[in-house]
């Protein structure tokens, strides 16, 4: 189960998210945020952070401080995913955008290599567009649509060119705070024959 509280606004391509403390995270006051401007992962204040940038020349920056992060990018960015959470993940605000963005619990497993999204809110583009609905799951007072797709020759946590499955749970009624019981989604995917492997990192992410 993942609990999250968001303080997130998307305006002029800037976003900030606050992750709620959990049993394996600690918080402490920092003099100033740590800024990253290229793809990276690491740990700070007991939280795992991740920044992926398809193009590092677009002026994207991520600031991490005391269990929260802010993300700024330019209009010509191709793809950027950033967030704060836990490594490994487990089965254990406000949001507004005038463009394409979404708020999710995001993570990876290995053996098999799987990228997964539990989407709580999104902007004017539904990330399931073009995919076939496989079913639904009810969790945390909401209904989620379930999807799967295969990525080929795409960047992953293992290499710059991998073939892997993507699993999606997309909430029908958008929200930006509450609890995400990740086990419910993992079990729903498993019931559809969508297997997962060993958990790698898991974050509350903005993309």
Protein backbone atom coordinates (compact mmCIF):
# COMPACT_ATOMS: atom_id res chain seq x y z
CA UNK A 1 0.00 0.00 0.00
CA UNK A 2 1.28 3.43 -0.91
CA UNK A 3 0.02 6.57 0.82
CA UNK A 4 0.63 9.82 -0.96
CA UNK A 5 -0.21 13.46 -0.48
CA UNK A 6 0.35 15.75 -3.43
CA UNK A 7 1.05 19.44 -3.58
CA UNK A 8 1.28 19.66 -7.31
CA UNK A 9 0.61 22.41 -9.80
CA UNK A 10 1.50 22.38 -13.46
CA UNK A 11 1.95 25.87 -14.79
CA UNK A 12 4.52 26.99 -17.34
CA UNK A 13 5.80 23.43 -17.27
CA UNK A 14 6.61 23.32 -13.57
CA UNK A 15 5.39 20.74 -11.09
CA UNK A 16 5.94 19.87 -7.41
CA UNK A 17 4.96 16.73 -5.50
CA UNK A 18 5.07 15.84 -1.81
CA UNK A 19 5.42 12.17 -0.81
CA UNK A 20 3.93 11.15 2.52
CA UNK A 21 6.31 9.58 5.04
CA UNK A 22 6.21 5.78 5.42
CA UNK A 23 7.81 3.27 7.74
CA UNK A 24 11.01 2.94 5.71
CA UNK A 25 11.55 6.67 5.15
CA UNK A 26 12.88 9.42 7.34
CA UNK A 27 12.72 13.17 6.94
CA UNK A 28 15.14 15.87 7.95
CA UNK A 29 15.60 19.53 7.22
CA UNK A 30 17.95 20.38 4.37
CA UNK A 31 19.57 23.76 3.92
CA UNK A 32 18.58 23.80 0.27
CA UNK A 33 17.28 21.40 -2.39
CA UNK A 34 19.57 19.25 -4.49
CA UNK A 35 19.19 19.99 -8.21
CA UNK A 36 19.57 17.45 -11.01
CA UNK A 37 19.67 18.25 -14.73
CA UNK A 38 20.35 14.85 -16.32
CA UNK A 39 18.95 11.32 -15.98
CA UNK A 40 19.80 9.97 -12.55
CA UNK A 41 18.63 7.88 -9.59
CA UNK A 42 19.60 7.93 -5.94
CA UNK A 43 18.46 8.22 -2.33
CA UNK A 44 17.97 11.31 -0.19
CA UNK A 45 16.32 11.69 3.22
CA UNK A 46 15.31 8.02 3.11
CA UNK A 47 13.46 8.36 -0.20
CA UNK A 48 14.47 7.00 -3.59
CA UNK A 49 14.38 9.55 -6.41
CA UNK A 50 14.45 9.04 -10.16
CA UNK A 51 14.77 11.41 -13.11
CA UNK A 52 14.61 10.13 -16.69
CA UNK A 53 15.10 12.52 -19.61
CA UNK A 54 14.95 11.41 -23.23
CA UNK A 55 16.88 14.55 -24.19
CA UNK A 56 19.16 16.21 -21.63
CA UNK A 57 19.61 19.39 -23.68
CA UNK A 58 16.14 20.82 -23.02
CA UNK A 59 16.82 22.56 -19.71
CA UNK A 60 14.86 20.13 -17.51
CA UNK A 61 15.68 20.29 -13.77
CA UNK A 62 14.52 18.35 -10.74
CA UNK A 63 14.90 19.70 -7.19
CA UNK A 64 14.73 17.21 -4.29
CA UNK A 65 14.29 18.37 -0.69
CA UNK A 66 12.92 16.83 2.53
CA UNK A 67 10.62 14.22 0.98
CA UNK A 68 9.37 16.43 -1.85
CA UNK A 69 10.46 17.30 -5.36
CA UNK A 70 9.80 19.91 -8.01
CA UNK A 71 10.20 19.47 -11.75
CA UNK A 72 10.63 22.11 -14.45
CA UNK A 73 10.90 21.48 -18.17
CA UNK A 74 10.64 23.36 -21.45
CA UNK A 75 7.87 23.08 -24.01
CA UNK A 76 10.02 21.19 -26.51
CA UNK A 77 10.81 18.30 -24.14
CA UNK A 78 10.12 14.88 -25.71
CA UNK A 79 9.65 12.75 -22.59
CA UNK A 80 10.57 13.19 -18.94
CA UNK A 81 9.60 11.05 -15.91
CA UNK A 82 10.47 12.13 -12.38
CA UNK A 83 9.41 11.10 -8.94
CA UNK A 84 10.11 10.22 -5.33
CA UNK A 85 9.39 6.91 -3.61
CA UNK A 86 10.95 3.63 -2.55
CA UNK A 87 13.48 1.07 -3.79
CA UNK A 88 12.46 -1.67 -3.83
CA UNK A 89 8.76 -1.03 -4.20
CA UNK A 90 6.29 -3.48 -2.67
CA UNK A 91 2.66 -4.47 -2.56
CA UNK A 92 2.31 -2.67 0.58
CA UNK A 93 -2.85 18.58 -3.11
CA UNK A 94 -3.86 19.52 -6.23
CA UNK A 95 -3.16 18.72 -9.85
CA UNK A 96 -3.90 20.90 -12.84
CA UNK A 97 -2.50 20.91 -16.33
CA UNK A 98 -3.26 22.58 -19.62
CA UNK A 99 -1.46 19.87 -21.56
CA UNK A 100 -0.30 16.28 -21.49
CA UNK A 101 0.79 15.09 -18.03
CA UNK A 102 -0.20 12.45 -15.51
CA UNK A 103 0.22 11.60 -11.84
CA UNK A 104 0.84 7.96 -10.98
CA UNK A 105 2.46 5.34 -8.83
CA UNK A 106 5.20 4.21 -11.20
CA UNK A 107 7.73 1.43 -11.04
CA UNK A 108 9.62 -1.48 -12.57
CA UNK A 109 10.14 -5.18 -11.99
CA UNK A 110 12.85 -7.43 -13.41
CA UNK A 111 12.74 -11.06 -14.57
CA UNK A 112 10.44 -10.34 -16.27
CA UNK A 113 11.18 -6.72 -17.10
CA UNK A 114 7.92 -4.78 -16.57
CA UNK A 115 7.17 -1.05 -16.42
CA UNK A 116 3.93 -0.25 -14.57
CA UNK A 117 1.70 2.74 -13.98
CA UNK A 118 -1.19 3.21 -11.53
CA UNK A 119 -2.56 6.50 -12.84
CA UNK A 120 -4.53 8.70 -10.44
CA UNK A 121 -4.94 11.78 -12.65
CA UNK A 122 -4.01 13.00 -16.10
CA UNK A 123 -4.41 16.03 -18.36
CA UNK A 124 -5.88 16.26 -21.84
CA UNK A 125 -4.36 12.98 -23.05
CA UNK A 126 -5.49 9.60 -21.75
CA UNK A 127 -2.38 7.37 -21.73
CA UNK A 128 -4.54 4.36 -22.62
CA UNK A 129 -5.44 5.85 -26.01
CA UNK A 130 -5.17 3.16 -28.67
CA UNK A 131 -4.96 0.30 -26.15
CA UNK A 132 -7.52 -2.50 -25.64
CA UNK A 133 -9.38 -2.54 -22.33
CA UNK A 134 -8.60 -5.82 -20.54
CA UNK A 135 -10.82 -5.36 -17.49
CA UNK A 136 -11.35 -3.24 -14.40
CA UNK A 137 -10.45 -3.36 -10.72
CA UNK A 138 -12.10 -1.58 -7.81
CA UNK A 139 -9.67 -0.21 -5.24
CA UNK A 140 -9.51 2.66 -2.76
CA UNK A 141 -13.04 3.89 -3.49
CA UNK A 142 -12.50 4.01 -7.25
CA UNK A 143 -12.58 1.96 -10.42
CA UNK A 144 -9.49 1.54 -12.58
CA UNK A 145 -9.31 0.44 -16.22
CA UNK A 146 -6.63 -2.17 -16.95
CA UNK A 147 -4.39 -2.25 -20.01
CA UNK A 148 -1.17 -3.83 -21.25
CA UNK A 149 1.14 -3.07 -24.13
CA UNK A 150 4.61 -4.10 -25.31
CA UNK A 151 7.46 -1.66 -25.83
CA UNK A 152 10.12 -2.63 -28.38
CA UNK A 153 13.63 -1.16 -28.62
CA UNK A 154 12.75 1.34 -25.88
CA UNK A 155 14.82 2.64 -22.95
CA UNK A 156 14.43 0.76 -19.67
CA UNK A 157 16.19 0.37 -16.33
CA UNK A 158 18.33 -2.33 -17.94
CA UNK A 159 19.43 -0.76 -21.21
CA UNK A 160 18.77 1.98 -23.76
CA UNK A 161 17.09 -0.53 -26.08
CA UNK A 162 14.86 -3.16 -24.46
CA UNK A 163 11.68 -5.05 -25.19
CA UNK A 164 9.32 -5.22 -22.22
CA UNK A 165 5.67 -5.12 -21.16
CA UNK A 166 3.90 -2.06 -19.78
CA UNK A 167 0.96 -2.54 -17.39
CA UNK A 168 -1.56 0.23 -16.75
CA UNK A 169 -4.29 0.84 -14.15
CA UNK A 170 -6.02 4.13 -14.91
CA UNK A 171 -8.49 5.58 -12.41
CA UNK A 172 -11.82 6.57 -13.95
CA UNK A 173 -12.44 9.40 -11.46
CA UNK A 174 -9.34 11.56 -11.10
CA UNK A 175 -7.87 12.37 -7.69
CA UNK A 176 -4.67 13.80 -6.23
CA UNK A 177 -4.59 12.51 -2.66
CA UNK A 178 -5.35 9.37 -0.70
CA UNK A 179 -4.06 5.82 -0.51
CA UNK A 180 -3.07 3.57 -3.40
CA UNK A 181 -3.27 -0.11 -2.45
CA UNK A 182 -0.77 -1.36 -4.99
CA UNK A 183 -1.40 -5.04 -4.18
CA UNK A 184 -4.93 -4.75 -5.59
CA UNK A 185 -3.52 -3.68 -8.95
CA UNK A 186 -0.77 -6.28 -8.97
CA UNK A 187 -3.34 -9.00 -8.19
CA UNK A 188 -5.70 -7.73 -10.88
CA UNK A 189 -2.93 -7.82 -13.48
CA UNK A 190 -1.95 -11.33 -12.35
CA UNK A 191 -5.55 -12.50 -12.76
CA UNK A 192 -5.30 -11.39 -16.39
CA UNK A 193 -2.10 -13.39 -16.86
CA UNK A 194 0.13 -10.31 -16.66
CA UNK A 195 3.04 -11.57 -14.59
CA UNK A 196 5.46 -9.39 -12.65
CA UNK A 197 8.98 -10.09 -11.46
CA UNK A 198 11.26 -8.88 -8.69
CA UNK A 199 10.42 -5.35 -7.59
CA UNK A 200 12.86 -2.60 -8.51
CA UNK A 201 12.09 1.02 -7.64
CA UNK A 202 8.60 2.46 -7.05
CA UNK A 203 7.84 6.18 -6.99
CA UNK A 204 5.01 8.70 -6.98
CA UNK A 205 5.71 10.17 -10.40
CA UNK A 206 4.81 12.95 -12.78
CA UNK A 207 5.20 12.39 -16.50
